[in-house]
Structures are given as structure tokens and as C-alpha cells.
């Protein structure tokens, strides 16, 4: 006890000296901390002399650590040791970590993240809350060091990975304009680390990483920034690899293509992605589940307005046979038309075909003279055109009949008067589904009618309809 008594005296002496330094700084604006490094060193030397010293050092060290950068690492080591020593010091040390995070250097923050990454997995809600606040404080102090350390630990600790991603989505993305976008250096550093690990991420992880990247100002400089983002998508898909229609691969291609859709709006070129979809994915379309097929068709429809030139010629020979599969030449009582799929395929065809009208003659018999050799006007493809028109006619008639049925259903639903809240919700769900089906069928009907015209009226660009799942349909 005698030894601890002397250590306590040394702790109090050092602490009192630092209190005086802080008072002078607050009152006169004079910073004399550098002259009192020996006092802080004395605190470090006596911090673990006994139980009372440990309790006192847990209060002193976090408060003054940032004032002595050369000694801060040693101070953090003591806090970590006390945190790990026993439950008596655990919570106080965790609270100390939060104080350290508000003022530490990048190097100390990186080391601190190693401890916080373990604590994020705690089952104690109070601890987790303090850790979250500590990480937010670290973000505010040095976003580059904090995010960099989080990403680094994600590559080595699978249990921590999900927690870190949740934190980034919850706390980092909303603060990007305030924190990340202040420094191009920080953005470049974080983006470089994300690029290293995003290729091996799951679909959900990919989405969060892309949200972080989308939030950065360096990627908002027009086509150049958009193209750089799209390259990240390309690498994540791995456009050099053969597509295998496993659940995981399909989910990833859908999420990646969805992200690409957002990027294309800012001027990036879709050529490489379209080539991959046409050569690798669509040929295995039949191997996908119905829900996967529809998701892919919707994404194809959404990116089709950005397809130009050579990519159009590459896409049409794959897309057109797929379109025909959804449009029967004749119908029976058993025939069921997937109007949602037809809407997607027709929309894509209108968009892409409008880019290269001269290419259509050999493909489907639509003869439009653009003066280019690809028109092949000397060839006879009347049978292909007759087949297309027959299918469009059948589709139009089926649409017309189905719309009438849907309108009758809609009228009955509107006449319903549910009494309970549950019944009201159920009715509204049915109304919404009916309304969406009506929009889909009206879109299909209009696109089929305009494609059957001679020459066809392509509903592309400004003349394009609003897709049923994106906005209100015609009429």
C-alpha cells in the first residue's frame, strides 16, 4: 500500500499541474502543455500501481491524452489494459474511449478502432451505444482514419463486418457532405479501400458500399466520375468471367446492374455492361427463376435508354427472340401472358431499335431505309414481319380483353365498403395491384400498337411511356 500511496501522490501532482495548464489556456489563451510532458509521463508511469491508481488514471488519461501526441499511444495502451483487466474498470474504460475518440490523432484512432470493433459485437446495449457514439466522434475527428480502420478490420473479422456496414449506412452516409466531402484526399483514400474489398462483397454489402461512393463529391464531376464508378461495378461483376446462374451470382448481377442504372444517368457508357448482359446473362435467361427474370428485365428496360450505336446492334439479336417468347402467335384457354415481362421487353426493344432502325430489316422484317448497307433492302424478310405483326395483333387483342376485366374488378373494389381496419388494408392492397396491372396492360397495348404501324412509331426518349413501376401510365 505504501507503494500505491506514493504513486497516488504522483498521479495527483501530475493531474493538478495539468489542471493549472488548462486553466491558464482557458483564461489567457496560453498553451503550456508541451512544457508539462513530464507530468503526463508521471501519470503514465504510475497509472497501474494499484486499484486506486487505476481508477484515477481512467479519469485523467482520456482527458489529457490528445495534448501529448508522442505519449498518446502509451496512454491508450493503459486504457486498453485496464479495459481487459476486469469488469470493475470495463465501463469506465469504454467511456474513456469515447473521450479519446473526440480528440485523438489519426494513428491513435486507428488503434482505438481495433478495440471498438470488438465492442461493437457486445450483447450489452449500453456498451454498444457508447461504442457507437465513440465511432461517430472518431468520424467527426478524422473520417479518413476512422473509415479506413473500419474497412481494414472488415477484411479480417467476418463477425464485425455486418456491424461495421450497418454503422457506415447509419452514421457515415448521412454525414458524407459534412465529413468526407471536405477533403478530396480522404475521399480518394476511402474509395481506394472500398475498391479493394467490394468485388468480394455480397449483394447487400455491395449496395452499402455503393451508397458510400455515391455520396462522395469526387464522383459527381460528370461523365468522368460516373465512368469511374461504373468501372467499380464492372469489376464487382467481373465482366471477364463466365456467368453462372447461381442464386448468389444472379442476386449480385441484379444489384450491380441496378447501381449501374443510377450511374448511367450521369453520362457513363453502358457498352461493356450491355455486352456482358447480352453475351453472358440473357442466353441463360431460362435458368433464372421467374422473379429473377422479371427483376433482370426491369433493369434492362431502365438502362435501355442509354444504349447507343454498336451496343444496340449487339443487343437486338438477343433481345428480340426473348421478346417473341412473351408474345404468342395464337392463344387458347390455357394461354397466360406475362404482361409485366412483355412491358419490359417491349420498352427495351422500342428504345434500342430506335437507335439503329436500318438494322431491323434482317432481324424482324421492319424495313426502314436509312441509306446504310445494313438495311439490306434487296433481301426479302416479309415472313419475319408477318410473324411479328401476328404476335403484336394477338397481344393487342389479349391486352384489350384483359383491361376490360381489370376495369370490372376495379369497379367492384371501389364499391366495396370494408368495416375493419384489416379489411381496409386488404382492400387497398387489391386496389393497388389492380391499378398497377391496368397501367402495365395499357403500356403494353400502346407499345404494341405503335410497333405494328408502318413504319413503326418508336416510343423512345421523349416519346417513351412511363414504366408502370416507375410512375403513372397512360390514360
Protein backbone atom coordinates (compact mmCIF):
# COMPACT_ATOMS: atom_id res chain seq x y z
CA UNK A 1 0.00 0.00 0.00
CA UNK A 2 2.96 2.29 0.66
CA UNK A 3 3.99 1.99 -2.97
CA UNK A 4 0.50 2.82 -4.16
CA UNK A 5 0.35 5.79 -1.80
CA UNK A 6 3.43 7.28 -3.41
CA UNK A 7 2.03 6.53 -6.86
CA UNK A 8 -1.25 8.24 -5.96
CA UNK A 9 0.68 11.31 -4.83
CA UNK A 10 2.49 11.35 -8.18
CA UNK A 11 -0.82 10.99 -10.04
CA UNK A 12 -2.46 13.81 -8.13
CA UNK A 13 0.59 16.02 -8.56
CA UNK A 14 0.64 15.46 -12.30
CA UNK A 15 -3.11 15.88 -12.62
CA UNK A 16 -3.11 19.14 -10.61
CA UNK A 17 -0.34 20.51 -12.80
CA UNK A 18 -2.36 19.76 -15.94
CA UNK A 19 -5.48 21.33 -14.41
CA UNK A 20 -3.48 24.54 -13.91
CA UNK A 21 -2.23 24.40 -17.51
CA UNK A 22 -5.77 24.02 -18.81
CA UNK A 23 -6.98 26.89 -16.61
CA UNK A 24 -4.27 29.18 -17.99
CA UNK A 25 -5.13 28.14 -21.53
CA UNK A 26 -8.82 28.85 -20.96
CA UNK A 27 -8.19 32.19 -19.24
CA UNK A 28 -5.23 33.68 -21.09
CA UNK A 29 -5.06 31.60 -24.27
CA UNK A 30 -1.54 30.45 -23.38
CA UNK A 31 -0.82 26.79 -24.20
CA UNK A 32 1.93 25.38 -21.97
CA UNK A 33 1.06 21.70 -22.35
CA UNK A 34 4.29 20.92 -24.21
CA UNK A 35 6.26 22.08 -21.16
CA UNK A 36 4.44 19.60 -18.92
CA UNK A 37 5.07 16.36 -20.78
CA UNK A 38 6.94 15.11 -17.69
CA UNK A 39 3.77 15.49 -15.61
CA UNK A 40 1.78 13.41 -18.08
CA UNK A 41 4.63 10.87 -18.21
CA UNK A 42 4.46 10.57 -14.43
CA UNK A 43 0.75 9.78 -14.73
CA UNK A 44 1.52 7.04 -17.24
CA UNK A 45 4.26 5.59 -15.06
CA UNK A 46 2.02 5.32 -12.00
CA UNK A 47 -1.31 4.55 -13.68
CA UNK A 48 -1.34 0.84 -12.83
CA UNK A 49 0.37 0.91 -9.42
CA UNK A 50 -2.78 -0.25 -7.62
CA UNK A 51 -6.59 -0.26 -7.67
CA UNK A 52 -6.95 3.39 -6.64
CA UNK A 53 -4.33 4.49 -9.18
CA UNK A 54 -6.13 2.58 -11.89
CA UNK A 55 -9.45 4.22 -11.03
CA UNK A 56 -7.85 7.67 -11.05
CA UNK A 57 -5.92 7.12 -14.28
CA UNK A 58 -9.14 6.12 -16.03
CA UNK A 59 -10.39 9.64 -15.30
CA UNK A 60 -7.18 11.52 -16.10
CA UNK A 61 -5.74 9.81 -19.19
CA UNK A 62 -8.65 10.26 -21.65
CA UNK A 63 -8.94 13.94 -20.75
CA UNK A 64 -5.32 14.90 -21.49
CA UNK A 65 -4.09 12.25 -23.91
CA UNK A 66 -4.55 14.36 -27.04
CA UNK A 67 -2.37 17.12 -25.56
CA UNK A 68 0.65 14.84 -25.72
CA UNK A 69 0.71 13.16 -29.15
CA UNK A 70 4.04 11.43 -28.54
CA UNK A 71 2.70 9.78 -25.39
CA UNK A 72 -0.90 9.18 -26.55
CA UNK A 73 -0.19 5.69 -27.84
CA UNK A 74 1.17 4.62 -24.47
CA UNK A 75 -1.85 6.21 -22.77
CA UNK A 76 -4.24 4.24 -24.98
CA UNK A 77 -2.35 1.03 -24.19
CA UNK A 78 -3.00 1.62 -20.48
CA UNK A 79 -6.72 2.21 -21.09
CA UNK A 80 -6.91 -0.99 -23.13
CA UNK A 81 -5.06 -2.95 -20.44
CA UNK A 82 -7.46 -1.71 -17.76
CA UNK A 83 -10.44 -2.42 -20.01
CA UNK A 84 -9.28 -6.01 -20.40
CA UNK A 85 -8.23 -6.45 -16.75
CA UNK A 86 -11.63 -6.88 -15.09
CA UNK A 87 -15.26 -5.83 -15.08
CA UNK A 88 -14.58 -3.18 -12.40
CA UNK A 89 -12.73 -0.99 -14.91
CA UNK A 90 -14.50 -2.07 -18.13
CA UNK A 91 -17.30 0.51 -18.36
CA UNK A 92 -15.11 3.40 -17.22
CA UNK A 93 -12.53 2.47 -19.84
CA UNK A 94 -15.22 2.31 -22.54
CA UNK A 95 -16.41 5.78 -21.55
CA UNK A 96 -12.76 6.85 -21.75
CA UNK A 97 -12.51 5.53 -25.30
CA UNK A 98 -15.28 7.92 -26.30
CA UNK A 99 -13.37 10.89 -24.84
CA UNK A 100 -10.20 9.78 -26.64
CA UNK A 101 -12.08 9.50 -29.94
CA UNK A 102 -13.15 13.15 -29.83
CA UNK A 103 -9.59 14.48 -29.88
CA UNK A 104 -7.13 11.75 -30.87
CA UNK A 105 -4.75 11.77 -33.80
CA UNK A 106 -5.39 9.52 -36.79
CA UNK A 107 -2.82 6.98 -35.60
CA UNK A 108 -4.45 6.68 -32.17
CA UNK A 109 -7.91 6.42 -33.74
CA UNK A 110 -6.76 3.56 -35.95
CA UNK A 111 -5.53 1.70 -32.89
CA UNK A 112 -8.70 2.55 -30.97
CA UNK A 113 -10.89 1.12 -33.73
CA UNK A 114 -9.30 -2.26 -33.04
CA UNK A 115 -10.84 -2.25 -29.56
CA UNK A 116 -14.13 -0.69 -30.62
CA UNK A 117 -14.53 -3.32 -33.36
CA UNK A 118 -14.65 -5.99 -30.65
CA UNK A 119 -17.04 -3.97 -28.51
CA UNK A 120 -19.47 -3.48 -31.39
CA UNK A 121 -20.28 -7.17 -31.04
CA UNK A 122 -21.12 -6.83 -27.33
CA UNK A 123 -24.51 -8.01 -26.11
CA UNK A 124 -24.64 -5.15 -23.59
CA UNK A 125 -26.84 -2.44 -25.13
CA UNK A 126 -25.27 0.30 -23.00
CA UNK A 127 -21.79 -0.64 -24.16
CA UNK A 128 -22.87 -0.78 -27.80
CA UNK A 129 -24.47 2.67 -27.51
CA UNK A 130 -21.26 4.17 -26.11
CA UNK A 131 -19.21 2.47 -28.80
CA UNK A 132 -21.49 3.87 -31.50
CA UNK A 133 -21.08 7.36 -30.03
CA UNK A 134 -17.31 6.81 -29.88
CA UNK A 135 -17.18 5.86 -33.54
CA UNK A 136 -19.26 8.88 -34.50
CA UNK A 137 -16.85 11.06 -32.51
CA UNK A 138 -13.94 9.43 -34.34
CA UNK A 139 -15.64 10.13 -37.68
CA UNK A 140 -16.01 13.77 -36.73
CA UNK A 141 -12.34 13.97 -35.70
CA UNK A 142 -10.69 12.06 -38.57
CA UNK A 143 -13.03 10.47 -41.08
CA UNK A 144 -10.21 9.07 -43.22
CA UNK A 145 -8.53 7.25 -40.35
CA UNK A 146 -11.83 6.00 -38.92
CA UNK A 147 -13.37 4.64 -42.13
CA UNK A 148 -10.02 3.27 -43.22
CA UNK A 149 -9.64 1.35 -39.98
CA UNK A 150 -13.22 0.06 -40.15
CA UNK A 151 -12.70 -1.21 -43.68
CA UNK A 152 -9.40 -2.82 -42.74
CA UNK A 153 -10.96 -4.73 -39.86
CA UNK A 154 -13.84 -5.80 -42.09
CA UNK A 155 -11.41 -7.80 -44.22
CA UNK A 156 -10.17 -9.84 -41.26
CA UNK A 157 -13.20 -10.14 -38.98
CA UNK A 158 -16.36 -11.58 -40.52
CA UNK A 159 -18.41 -11.14 -37.35
CA UNK A 160 -17.52 -7.46 -37.26
CA UNK A 161 -18.23 -6.93 -40.97
CA UNK A 162 -22.02 -6.71 -40.72
CA UNK A 163 -21.83 -4.41 -37.69
CA UNK A 164 -19.41 -2.07 -39.47
CA UNK A 165 -21.53 -1.93 -42.61
CA UNK A 166 -24.58 -1.10 -40.52
CA UNK A 167 -22.66 1.70 -38.84
CA UNK A 168 -21.48 3.10 -42.18
CA UNK A 169 -25.00 3.08 -43.57
CA UNK A 170 -26.49 4.57 -40.42
CA UNK A 171 -23.84 7.11 -39.43
CA UNK A 172 -21.37 7.74 -42.27
CA UNK A 173 -23.55 8.15 -45.36
CA UNK A 174 -25.80 10.87 -43.83
CA UNK A 175 -22.64 12.77 -42.78
CA UNK A 176 -20.76 12.49 -46.07
CA UNK A 177 -21.32 16.06 -47.19
CA UNK A 178 -20.12 17.34 -43.84
CA UNK A 179 -17.19 14.97 -43.37
CA UNK A 180 -15.98 13.06 -46.42
CA UNK A 181 -16.62 15.80 -48.95
CA UNK A 182 -14.45 18.27 -47.07
CA UNK A 183 -11.31 16.50 -48.24
CA UNK A 184 -10.56 15.03 -51.64
CA UNK A 185 -7.65 13.15 -50.07
CA UNK A 186 -9.99 11.46 -47.59
CA UNK A 187 -12.43 10.53 -50.35
CA UNK A 188 -9.69 9.08 -52.54
CA UNK A 189 -8.27 7.06 -49.64
CA UNK A 190 -11.66 5.65 -48.61
CA UNK A 191 -12.63 4.93 -52.24
CA UNK A 192 -9.35 3.08 -52.80
CA UNK A 193 -10.03 0.80 -49.83
CA UNK A 194 -13.61 0.14 -50.87
CA UNK A 195 -12.42 -0.81 -54.36
CA UNK A 196 -10.16 -3.45 -52.80
CA UNK A 197 -12.95 -5.27 -50.98
CA UNK A 198 -16.14 -4.55 -52.91
CA UNK A 199 -15.59 -7.25 -55.53
CA UNK A 200 -15.92 -9.99 -52.92
CA UNK A 201 -18.92 -8.45 -51.19
CA UNK A 202 -22.46 -9.79 -51.01
CA UNK A 203 -25.31 -8.01 -52.78
CA UNK A 204 -26.35 -6.24 -49.58
CA UNK A 205 -22.78 -5.20 -48.79
CA UNK A 206 -22.29 -4.02 -52.36
CA UNK A 207 -25.32 -1.75 -52.07
CA UNK A 208 -23.98 -0.09 -48.91
CA UNK A 209 -20.51 0.36 -50.38
CA UNK A 210 -22.00 1.95 -53.49
CA UNK A 211 -24.07 4.32 -51.35
CA UNK A 212 -20.86 5.46 -49.64
CA UNK A 213 -19.22 6.01 -53.03
CA UNK A 214 -22.30 7.75 -54.46
CA UNK A 215 -22.15 10.19 -51.55
CA UNK A 216 -18.64 11.39 -52.46
CA UNK A 217 -18.22 14.62 -54.41
CA UNK A 218 -15.27 13.21 -56.41
CA UNK A 219 -17.71 11.00 -58.28
CA UNK A 220 -20.10 13.86 -59.03
CA UNK A 221 -17.95 15.58 -61.66
CA UNK A 222 -19.97 14.46 -64.65
CA UNK A 223 -19.17 11.64 -67.06
CA UNK A 224 -15.61 11.09 -65.78
CA UNK A 225 -16.71 10.46 -62.20
CA UNK A 226 -19.65 8.36 -63.35
CA UNK A 227 -17.40 6.23 -65.54
CA UNK A 228 -15.02 5.61 -62.62
CA UNK A 229 -17.96 4.43 -60.52
CA UNK A 230 -19.16 2.20 -63.34
CA UNK A 231 -15.72 0.60 -63.56
CA UNK A 232 -16.14 -0.39 -59.90
CA UNK A 233 -19.44 -2.05 -60.83
CA UNK A 234 -17.75 -3.81 -63.76
CA UNK A 235 -15.01 -5.16 -61.51
CA UNK A 236 -17.55 -6.33 -58.94
CA UNK A 237 -19.44 -8.29 -61.59
CA UNK A 238 -16.17 -9.46 -63.17
CA UNK A 239 -17.03 -8.97 -66.81
CA UNK A 240 -14.22 -11.32 -67.82
CA UNK A 241 -15.77 -14.31 -66.07
CA UNK A 242 -18.43 -16.65 -67.43
CA UNK A 243 -21.80 -16.04 -65.83
CA UNK A 244 -23.13 -18.90 -63.72
CA UNK A 245 -26.85 -18.63 -62.83
CA UNK A 246 -26.46 -19.47 -59.13
CA UNK A 247 -28.68 -17.64 -56.64
CA UNK A 248 -25.73 -15.63 -55.33
CA UNK A 249 -24.44 -14.67 -58.80
CA UNK A 250 -27.88 -13.70 -60.04
CA UNK A 251 -28.56 -11.58 -56.97
CA UNK A 252 -25.25 -9.81 -57.45
CA UNK A 253 -25.79 -9.13 -61.16
CA UNK A 254 -29.20 -7.65 -60.35
CA UNK A 255 -27.85 -5.39 -57.59
CA UNK A 256 -24.84 -4.36 -59.66
CA UNK A 257 -26.95 -3.58 -62.71
CA UNK A 258 -29.30 -1.56 -60.51
CA UNK A 259 -26.36 0.53 -59.31
CA UNK A 260 -25.17 0.92 -62.89
CA UNK A 261 -28.58 2.30 -63.83
CA UNK A 262 -28.11 5.16 -61.38
CA UNK A 263 -24.60 5.83 -62.70
CA UNK A 264 -25.59 5.84 -66.39
CA UNK A 265 -27.81 8.85 -65.79
CA UNK A 266 -24.65 10.88 -65.19
CA UNK A 267 -23.01 10.13 -68.52
CA UNK A 268 -21.16 6.82 -68.13
CA UNK A 269 -21.11 4.45 -71.10
CA UNK A 270 -23.18 1.24 -70.79
CA UNK A 271 -21.38 -0.57 -73.63
CA UNK A 272 -19.34 -3.08 -71.61
CA UNK A 273 -22.22 -3.90 -69.28
CA UNK A 274 -24.67 -4.38 -72.16
CA UNK A 275 -22.20 -6.64 -73.93
CA UNK A 276 -21.89 -8.79 -70.81
CA UNK A 277 -25.64 -8.97 -70.25
CA UNK A 278 -26.26 -9.93 -73.87
CA UNK A 279 -23.46 -12.45 -74.27
CA UNK A 280 -23.38 -13.99 -70.81
CA UNK A 281 -26.59 -13.40 -68.86
CA UNK A 282 -29.53 -13.29 -71.28
CA UNK A 283 -28.53 -16.54 -73.06
CA UNK A 284 -29.08 -18.25 -69.67
CA UNK A 285 -32.35 -16.42 -69.05
CA UNK A 286 -34.32 -19.68 -68.87
CA UNK A 287 -32.17 -20.84 -65.94
CA UNK A 288 -33.37 -17.96 -63.76
CA UNK A 289 -36.41 -18.08 -61.50
CA UNK A 290 -39.50 -16.08 -62.61
CA UNK A 291 -38.81 -13.35 -60.03
CA UNK A 292 -35.16 -13.13 -61.11
CA UNK A 293 -36.21 -12.95 -64.75
CA UNK A 294 -38.58 -10.08 -64.08
CA UNK A 295 -36.02 -8.19 -61.98
CA UNK A 296 -33.47 -8.51 -64.77
CA UNK A 297 -35.97 -7.45 -67.43
CA UNK A 298 -36.94 -4.38 -65.41
CA UNK A 299 -33.30 -3.35 -65.07
CA UNK A 300 -32.72 -3.93 -68.78
CA UNK A 301 -35.69 -1.68 -69.53
CA UNK A 302 -34.33 1.01 -67.23
CA UNK A 303 -30.86 1.05 -68.80
CA UNK A 304 -32.09 0.64 -72.40
CA UNK A 305 -32.44 4.42 -72.98
CA UNK A 306 -28.65 4.72 -72.55
CA UNK A 307 -27.76 2.05 -75.14
CA UNK A 308 -26.35 3.51 -78.35
CA UNK A 309 -24.82 2.52 -81.69
CA UNK A 310 -22.79 -0.66 -81.77
CA UNK A 311 -24.17 -1.88 -78.47
CA UNK A 312 -27.67 -1.66 -79.94
CA UNK A 313 -26.68 -3.96 -82.79
CA UNK A 314 -25.21 -6.36 -80.27
CA UNK A 315 -28.25 -6.31 -78.00
CA UNK A 316 -31.10 -6.62 -80.51
CA UNK A 317 -30.37 -10.16 -81.80
CA UNK A 318 -30.51 -11.36 -78.17
CA UNK A 319 -33.41 -9.21 -77.04
CA UNK A 320 -35.75 -9.79 -79.98
CA UNK A 321 -36.09 -13.60 -79.64
CA UNK A 322 -36.68 -13.06 -75.93
CA UNK A 323 -39.47 -10.61 -76.75
CA UNK A 324 -41.08 -13.13 -79.10
CA UNK A 325 -41.14 -15.72 -76.31
CA UNK A 326 -43.52 -13.50 -74.36
CA UNK A 327 -45.80 -12.83 -77.38
CA UNK A 328 -47.66 -15.96 -78.56
CA UNK A 329 -48.74 -16.31 -82.20
CA UNK A 330 -52.07 -17.75 -81.09
CA UNK A 331 -53.87 -18.30 -77.83
CA UNK A 332 -56.02 -20.87 -76.14
CA UNK A 333 -57.85 -21.02 -72.83
CA UNK A 334 -54.60 -22.14 -71.18
CA UNK A 335 -52.54 -19.25 -72.55
CA UNK A 336 -51.19 -16.90 -69.90
CA UNK A 337 -49.35 -13.78 -70.97
CA UNK A 338 -46.82 -12.27 -68.58
CA UNK A 339 -47.72 -8.64 -69.18
CA UNK A 340 -45.06 -7.36 -66.77
CA UNK A 341 -42.34 -9.18 -68.71
CA UNK A 342 -43.80 -8.05 -72.06
CA UNK A 343 -43.83 -4.43 -70.90
CA UNK A 344 -40.12 -4.63 -70.04
CA UNK A 345 -39.10 -6.37 -73.25
CA UNK A 346 -41.22 -4.13 -75.49
CA UNK A 347 -39.95 -0.99 -73.78
CA UNK A 348 -36.33 -2.12 -74.23
CA UNK A 349 -36.97 -3.01 -77.87
CA UNK A 350 -38.54 0.39 -78.64
CA UNK A 351 -35.59 2.19 -77.06
CA UNK A 352 -32.80 0.14 -78.60
CA UNK A 353 -34.38 -0.40 -82.03
CA UNK A 354 -34.88 3.34 -82.45
CA UNK A 355 -31.07 3.80 -82.39
CA UNK A 356 -30.43 1.54 -85.39
CA UNK A 357 -33.64 1.38 -87.48
CA UNK A 358 -31.74 0.15 -90.56
CA UNK A 359 -30.60 -2.93 -88.66
CA UNK A 360 -34.17 -4.16 -88.17
CA UNK A 361 -34.95 -5.44 -91.67
CA UNK A 362 -32.89 -8.62 -91.46
CA UNK A 363 -33.78 -9.09 -87.81
CA UNK A 364 -37.56 -8.82 -87.85
CA UNK A 365 -38.65 -7.60 -91.30
CA UNK A 366 -39.19 -3.94 -90.36
CA UNK A 367 -37.98 -2.05 -93.43
CA UNK A 368 -36.66 1.45 -92.78
CA UNK A 369 -34.29 2.90 -95.37
CA UNK A 370 -31.51 4.83 -93.64
CA UNK A 371 -29.20 4.69 -96.63
CA UNK A 372 -26.82 2.35 -94.82
CA UNK A 373 -25.67 -1.05 -96.17
CA UNK A 374 -27.08 -2.76 -93.06
CA UNK A 375 -30.61 -2.07 -94.34
CA UNK A 376 -30.21 -4.95 -96.83
CA UNK A 377 -33.27 -3.74 -98.72
CA UNK A 378 -32.71 -6.24 -101.56
CA UNK A 379 -33.48 -9.13 -99.20
CA UNK A 380 -36.97 -10.49 -98.56
CA UNK A 381 -37.90 -10.77 -94.89
CA UNK A 382 -41.67 -10.42 -95.29
CA UNK A 383 -42.25 -13.66 -93.37
CA UNK A 384 -40.45 -12.25 -90.31
CA UNK A 385 -42.55 -9.08 -90.43
CA UNK A 386 -45.76 -11.10 -90.81
CA UNK A 387 -44.80 -13.18 -87.78
CA UNK A 388 -44.12 -10.06 -85.71
CA UNK A 389 -47.39 -8.41 -86.76
CA UNK A 390 -49.38 -11.55 -85.99
CA UNK A 391 -47.92 -11.69 -82.48
CA UNK A 392 -48.49 -7.98 -81.91
CA UNK A 393 -52.10 -8.38 -83.06
CA UNK A 394 -52.70 -11.26 -80.67
CA UNK A 395 -51.04 -9.34 -77.85
CA UNK A 396 -53.12 -6.25 -78.53
CA UNK A 397 -56.38 -8.22 -78.50
CA UNK A 398 -55.42 -10.05 -75.30
CA UNK A 399 -54.50 -6.74 -73.68
CA UNK A 400 -57.80 -5.20 -74.66
CA UNK A 401 -59.77 -8.09 -73.17
CA UNK A 402 -57.69 -8.15 -70.00
CA UNK A 403 -58.04 -4.39 -69.48
CA UNK A 404 -61.83 -4.77 -69.60
CA UNK A 405 -61.69 -7.48 -66.95
CA UNK A 406 -59.40 -5.37 -64.78
CA UNK A 407 -61.74 -2.39 -65.08
CA UNK A 408 -64.63 -4.54 -63.91
CA UNK A 409 -62.56 -5.74 -60.97
CA UNK A 410 -61.58 -2.16 -60.18
CA UNK A 411 -65.21 -1.06 -60.19
CA UNK A 412 -66.20 -3.83 -57.77
CA UNK A 413 -63.29 -2.96 -55.48
CA UNK A 414 -64.31 0.69 -55.46
CA UNK A 415 -67.85 -0.32 -54.49
CA UNK A 416 -66.60 -2.35 -51.54
CA UNK A 417 -67.12 -0.90 -48.07
CA UNK A 418 -64.88 -2.70 -45.59
CA UNK A 419 -65.64 -2.22 -41.92
CA UNK A 420 -62.47 -3.25 -40.11
CA UNK A 421 -59.01 -1.71 -40.43
CA UNK A 422 -57.59 -5.03 -41.54
CA UNK A 423 -60.21 -5.31 -44.27
CA UNK A 424 -59.47 -1.74 -45.39
CA UNK A 425 -55.76 -2.50 -45.73
CA UNK A 426 -56.51 -5.68 -47.64
CA UNK A 427 -58.83 -3.79 -49.99
CA UNK A 428 -56.23 -1.09 -50.62
CA UNK A 429 -53.64 -3.74 -51.45
CA UNK A 430 -56.02 -5.24 -54.02
CA UNK A 431 -56.77 -1.78 -55.47
CA UNK A 432 -53.06 -1.02 -55.82
CA UNK A 433 -52.39 -4.34 -57.53
CA UNK A 434 -55.30 -3.82 -59.91
CA UNK A 435 -54.19 -0.29 -60.74
CA UNK A 436 -50.63 -1.42 -61.45
CA UNK A 437 -51.88 -4.21 -63.70
CA UNK A 438 -54.00 -1.69 -65.61
CA UNK A 439 -51.01 0.61 -66.11
CA UNK A 440 -48.91 -2.33 -67.29
CA UNK A 441 -51.52 -3.54 -69.80
CA UNK A 442 -52.16 -0.06 -71.17
CA UNK A 443 -48.43 0.42 -71.67
CA UNK A 444 -48.16 -2.92 -73.47
CA UNK A 445 -51.17 -2.13 -75.65
CA UNK A 446 -49.82 1.27 -76.68
CA UNK A 447 -46.31 -0.02 -77.43
CA UNK A 448 -47.65 -2.99 -79.41
CA UNK A 449 -49.93 -0.73 -81.45
CA UNK A 450 -47.14 1.72 -82.30
CA UNK A 451 -44.67 -1.03 -83.20
CA UNK A 452 -47.19 -2.56 -85.62
CA UNK A 453 -47.51 0.68 -87.60
CA UNK A 454 -45.78 1.04 -90.97
CA UNK A 455 -43.26 2.47 -90.42
CA UNK A 456 -43.31 1.81 -86.69
CA UNK A 457 -43.53 4.69 -84.27
CA UNK A 458 -40.79 4.03 -81.75
CA UNK A 459 -41.70 5.13 -78.26
CA UNK A 460 -38.22 6.13 -77.19
CA UNK A 461 -36.57 9.08 -75.46
CA UNK A 462 -39.11 11.89 -75.12
CA UNK A 463 -41.87 9.74 -76.61
CA UNK A 464 -41.29 6.89 -74.17
CA UNK A 465 -44.01 5.84 -71.77
CA UNK A 466 -43.52 5.89 -68.04
CA UNK A 467 -42.84 2.34 -66.92
CA UNK A 468 -45.66 1.00 -64.76
CA UNK A 469 -43.45 0.51 -61.69
CA UNK A 470 -41.85 3.95 -62.05
CA UNK A 471 -44.86 6.22 -62.47
CA UNK A 472 -48.38 6.63 -63.75
CA UNK A 473 -49.17 5.00 -67.04
CA UNK A 474 -51.19 6.33 -69.98
CA UNK A 475 -54.82 7.14 -69.75
